[in-house]
Amino acid sequence: MQAKILKSTDKNYVELDLQMKAETAKACLLSDGIEEAWFPKSQMEDEPEQLDNGLTRIIVPEWLAQDKGLI
């Protein structure tokens, strides 16, 4: 998994490249190969992006990625 911290004036975001395990209308189940966690789409900055390497890129608040144990 790759994590990239994106800083802004009001809050910090993290760009994560993870494996998509499942998706519903409101959330995505993502994995870094060790941990799995549901991420609410309402907390994502953009729609999940499918990458050429088979991973999915999401941008979420840093606190959420920490809470889910992925950084």
N, C-alpha and C. Protein backbone atom coordinates (compact mmCIF):
# COMPACT_ATOMS: atom_id res chain seq x y z
N MET A 1 0.84 -1.18 0.00
CA MET A 1 0.00 0.00 0.00
C MET A 1 0.88 1.24 0.00
N GLN A 2 0.46 2.23 -0.72
CA GLN A 2 1.14 3.51 -0.73
C GLN A 2 0.23 4.53 -0.08
N ALA A 3 0.79 5.32 0.82
CA ALA A 3 0.02 6.40 1.44
C ALA A 3 0.75 7.70 1.18
N LYS A 4 0.01 8.69 0.73
CA LYS A 4 0.58 9.99 0.46
C LYS A 4 -0.26 11.01 1.22
N ILE A 5 0.39 11.78 2.09
CA ILE A 5 -0.30 12.80 2.88
C ILE A 5 -0.47 14.06 2.01
N LEU A 6 -1.68 14.53 1.91
CA LEU A 6 -2.00 15.74 1.16
C LEU A 6 -2.42 16.80 2.17
N LYS A 7 -1.70 17.90 2.26
CA LYS A 7 -1.97 18.93 3.25
C LYS A 7 -2.82 20.04 2.65
N SER A 8 -3.72 20.56 3.46
CA SER A 8 -4.50 21.72 3.06
C SER A 8 -4.59 22.64 4.28
N THR A 9 -5.18 23.79 4.09
CA THR A 9 -5.24 24.74 5.19
C THR A 9 -6.20 24.32 6.28
N ASP A 10 -7.25 23.57 5.93
CA ASP A 10 -8.24 23.21 6.94
C ASP A 10 -8.10 21.79 7.48
N LYS A 11 -7.60 20.85 6.69
CA LYS A 11 -7.37 19.50 7.19
C LYS A 11 -6.43 18.74 6.28
N ASN A 12 -5.88 17.65 6.81
CA ASN A 12 -4.97 16.82 6.05
C ASN A 12 -5.72 15.62 5.47
N TYR A 13 -5.37 15.27 4.25
CA TYR A 13 -5.95 14.13 3.56
C TYR A 13 -4.86 13.12 3.25
N VAL A 14 -5.26 11.90 3.03
CA VAL A 14 -4.34 10.83 2.67
C VAL A 14 -4.82 10.21 1.37
N GLU A 15 -3.89 10.02 0.45
CA GLU A 15 -4.18 9.32 -0.80
C GLU A 15 -3.71 7.88 -0.62
N LEU A 16 -4.61 6.94 -0.72
CA LEU A 16 -4.32 5.52 -0.49
C LEU A 16 -4.60 4.71 -1.74
N ASP A 17 -3.68 3.80 -2.07
CA ASP A 17 -3.88 2.85 -3.15
C ASP A 17 -4.10 1.49 -2.52
N LEU A 18 -5.33 0.98 -2.62
CA LEU A 18 -5.74 -0.23 -1.92
C LEU A 18 -6.47 -1.18 -2.86
N GLN A 19 -6.66 -2.40 -2.40
CA GLN A 19 -7.41 -3.39 -3.17
C GLN A 19 -8.89 -3.30 -2.79
N MET A 20 -9.75 -3.17 -3.81
CA MET A 20 -11.20 -3.12 -3.58
C MET A 20 -11.70 -4.55 -3.37
N LYS A 21 -12.33 -4.78 -2.21
CA LYS A 21 -12.88 -6.09 -1.89
C LYS A 21 -14.38 -6.15 -2.14
N ALA A 22 -15.07 -5.04 -1.90
CA ALA A 22 -16.53 -4.98 -2.09
C ALA A 22 -16.93 -3.51 -2.16
N GLU A 23 -18.10 -3.27 -2.74
CA GLU A 23 -18.60 -1.90 -2.85
C GLU A 23 -20.11 -1.91 -2.75
N THR A 24 -20.64 -0.94 -2.02
CA THR A 24 -22.08 -0.71 -1.96
C THR A 24 -22.33 0.71 -2.45
N ALA A 25 -23.55 1.13 -2.45
CA ALA A 25 -23.87 2.49 -2.87
C ALA A 25 -23.25 3.53 -1.93
N LYS A 26 -23.00 3.14 -0.67
CA LYS A 26 -22.54 4.12 0.31
C LYS A 26 -21.14 3.90 0.85
N ALA A 27 -20.50 2.76 0.53
CA ALA A 27 -19.18 2.49 1.11
C ALA A 27 -18.38 1.52 0.25
N CYS A 28 -17.07 1.50 0.51
CA CYS A 28 -16.15 0.56 -0.16
C CYS A 28 -15.38 -0.20 0.89
N LEU A 29 -15.27 -1.51 0.71
CA LEU A 29 -14.43 -2.34 1.56
C LEU A 29 -13.08 -2.45 0.86
N LEU A 30 -12.04 -1.90 1.51
CA LEU A 30 -10.72 -1.83 0.92
C LEU A 30 -9.71 -2.54 1.80
N SER A 31 -8.64 -3.04 1.18
CA SER A 31 -7.63 -3.80 1.90
C SER A 31 -6.24 -3.39 1.44
N ASP A 32 -5.30 -3.39 2.40
CA ASP A 32 -3.89 -3.17 2.07
C ASP A 32 -3.13 -4.49 2.02
N GLY A 33 -3.85 -5.60 2.07
CA GLY A 33 -3.24 -6.92 2.08
C GLY A 33 -3.14 -7.51 3.47
N ILE A 34 -3.25 -6.66 4.48
CA ILE A 34 -3.22 -7.11 5.88
C ILE A 34 -4.51 -6.70 6.57
N GLU A 35 -4.82 -5.42 6.51
CA GLU A 35 -6.02 -4.87 7.13
C GLU A 35 -7.11 -4.66 6.08
N GLU A 36 -8.36 -4.85 6.48
CA GLU A 36 -9.53 -4.52 5.66
C GLU A 36 -10.37 -3.52 6.42
N ALA A 37 -10.95 -2.58 5.71
CA ALA A 37 -11.79 -1.58 6.37
C ALA A 37 -12.82 -1.03 5.39
N TRP A 38 -13.99 -0.73 5.93
CA TRP A 38 -15.04 -0.06 5.16
C TRP A 38 -14.80 1.43 5.22
N PHE A 39 -14.84 2.09 4.07
CA PHE A 39 -14.71 3.53 3.99
C PHE A 39 -16.00 4.10 3.42
N PRO A 40 -16.67 4.98 4.17
CA PRO A 40 -17.88 5.60 3.64
C PRO A 40 -17.55 6.54 2.48
N LYS A 41 -18.31 6.43 1.42
CA LYS A 41 -18.08 7.30 0.26
C LYS A 41 -18.29 8.76 0.61
N SER A 42 -19.10 9.03 1.62
CA SER A 42 -19.34 10.41 2.04
C SER A 42 -18.07 11.05 2.62
N GLN A 43 -17.10 10.25 3.03
CA GLN A 43 -15.85 10.78 3.57
C GLN A 43 -14.75 10.90 2.51
N MET A 44 -15.00 10.38 1.30
CA MET A 44 -14.01 10.43 0.24
C MET A 44 -14.10 11.76 -0.50
N GLU A 45 -12.95 12.30 -0.86
CA GLU A 45 -12.91 13.58 -1.57
C GLU A 45 -13.45 13.46 -2.98
N ASP A 46 -13.18 12.35 -3.65
CA ASP A 46 -13.63 12.09 -5.01
C ASP A 46 -14.13 10.66 -5.08
N GLU A 47 -14.65 10.27 -6.22
CA GLU A 47 -15.02 8.88 -6.44
C GLU A 47 -13.76 8.02 -6.42
N PRO A 48 -13.84 6.77 -5.96
CA PRO A 48 -12.68 5.89 -6.01
C PRO A 48 -12.19 5.76 -7.46
N GLU A 49 -10.88 5.79 -7.64
CA GLU A 49 -10.28 5.73 -8.97
C GLU A 49 -9.62 4.37 -9.18
N GLN A 50 -10.03 3.67 -10.24
CA GLN A 50 -9.42 2.38 -10.58
C GLN A 50 -8.10 2.63 -11.28
N LEU A 51 -7.03 2.05 -10.76
CA LEU A 51 -5.69 2.21 -11.35
C LEU A 51 -5.36 1.05 -12.27
N ASP A 52 -4.39 1.24 -13.15
CA ASP A 52 -3.99 0.21 -14.10
C ASP A 52 -3.41 -1.03 -13.41
N ASN A 53 -2.86 -0.88 -12.20
CA ASN A 53 -2.25 -2.00 -11.50
C ASN A 53 -3.26 -2.84 -10.71
N GLY A 54 -4.56 -2.56 -10.88
CA GLY A 54 -5.59 -3.32 -10.20
C GLY A 54 -5.98 -2.78 -8.84
N LEU A 55 -5.30 -1.74 -8.39
CA LEU A 55 -5.64 -1.13 -7.11
C LEU A 55 -6.64 0.00 -7.31
N THR A 56 -7.20 0.45 -6.21
CA THR A 56 -8.15 1.55 -6.21
C THR A 56 -7.57 2.68 -5.38
N ARG A 57 -7.57 3.89 -5.92
CA ARG A 57 -7.06 5.06 -5.20
C ARG A 57 -8.22 5.83 -4.59
N ILE A 58 -8.07 6.13 -3.29
CA ILE A 58 -9.05 6.97 -2.61
C ILE A 58 -8.31 8.10 -1.90
N ILE A 59 -9.03 9.19 -1.65
CA ILE A 59 -8.51 10.31 -0.87
C ILE A 59 -9.49 10.52 0.27
N VAL A 60 -8.98 10.34 1.50
CA VAL A 60 -9.81 10.45 2.70
C VAL A 60 -9.09 11.30 3.74
N PRO A 61 -9.82 11.82 4.74
CA PRO A 61 -9.16 12.55 5.81
C PRO A 61 -8.14 11.65 6.52
N GLU A 62 -7.03 12.25 6.92
CA GLU A 62 -5.96 11.51 7.58
C GLU A 62 -6.48 10.80 8.84
N TRP A 63 -7.35 11.47 9.60
CA TRP A 63 -7.85 10.87 10.84
C TRP A 63 -8.59 9.57 10.55
N LEU A 64 -9.32 9.49 9.41
CA LEU A 64 -10.08 8.30 9.07
C LEU A 64 -9.15 7.14 8.72
N ALA A 65 -8.11 7.42 7.93
CA ALA A 65 -7.14 6.37 7.58
C ALA A 65 -6.44 5.85 8.84
N GLN A 66 -6.13 6.74 9.78
CA GLN A 66 -5.52 6.32 11.04
C GLN A 66 -6.50 5.48 11.85
N ASP A 67 -7.74 5.92 11.91
CA ASP A 67 -8.78 5.21 12.66
C ASP A 67 -8.98 3.80 12.12
N LYS A 68 -8.85 3.62 10.81
CA LYS A 68 -9.04 2.33 10.16
C LYS A 68 -7.77 1.47 10.22
N GLY A 69 -6.67 2.02 10.75
CA GLY A 69 -5.43 1.27 10.89
C GLY A 69 -4.64 1.10 9.61
N LEU A 70 -4.85 1.99 8.64
CA LEU A 70 -4.18 1.86 7.35
C LEU A 70 -3.00 2.80 7.18
N ILE A 71 -2.76 3.66 8.16
CA ILE A 71 -1.52 4.45 8.18
C ILE A 71 -1.05 4.55 9.61
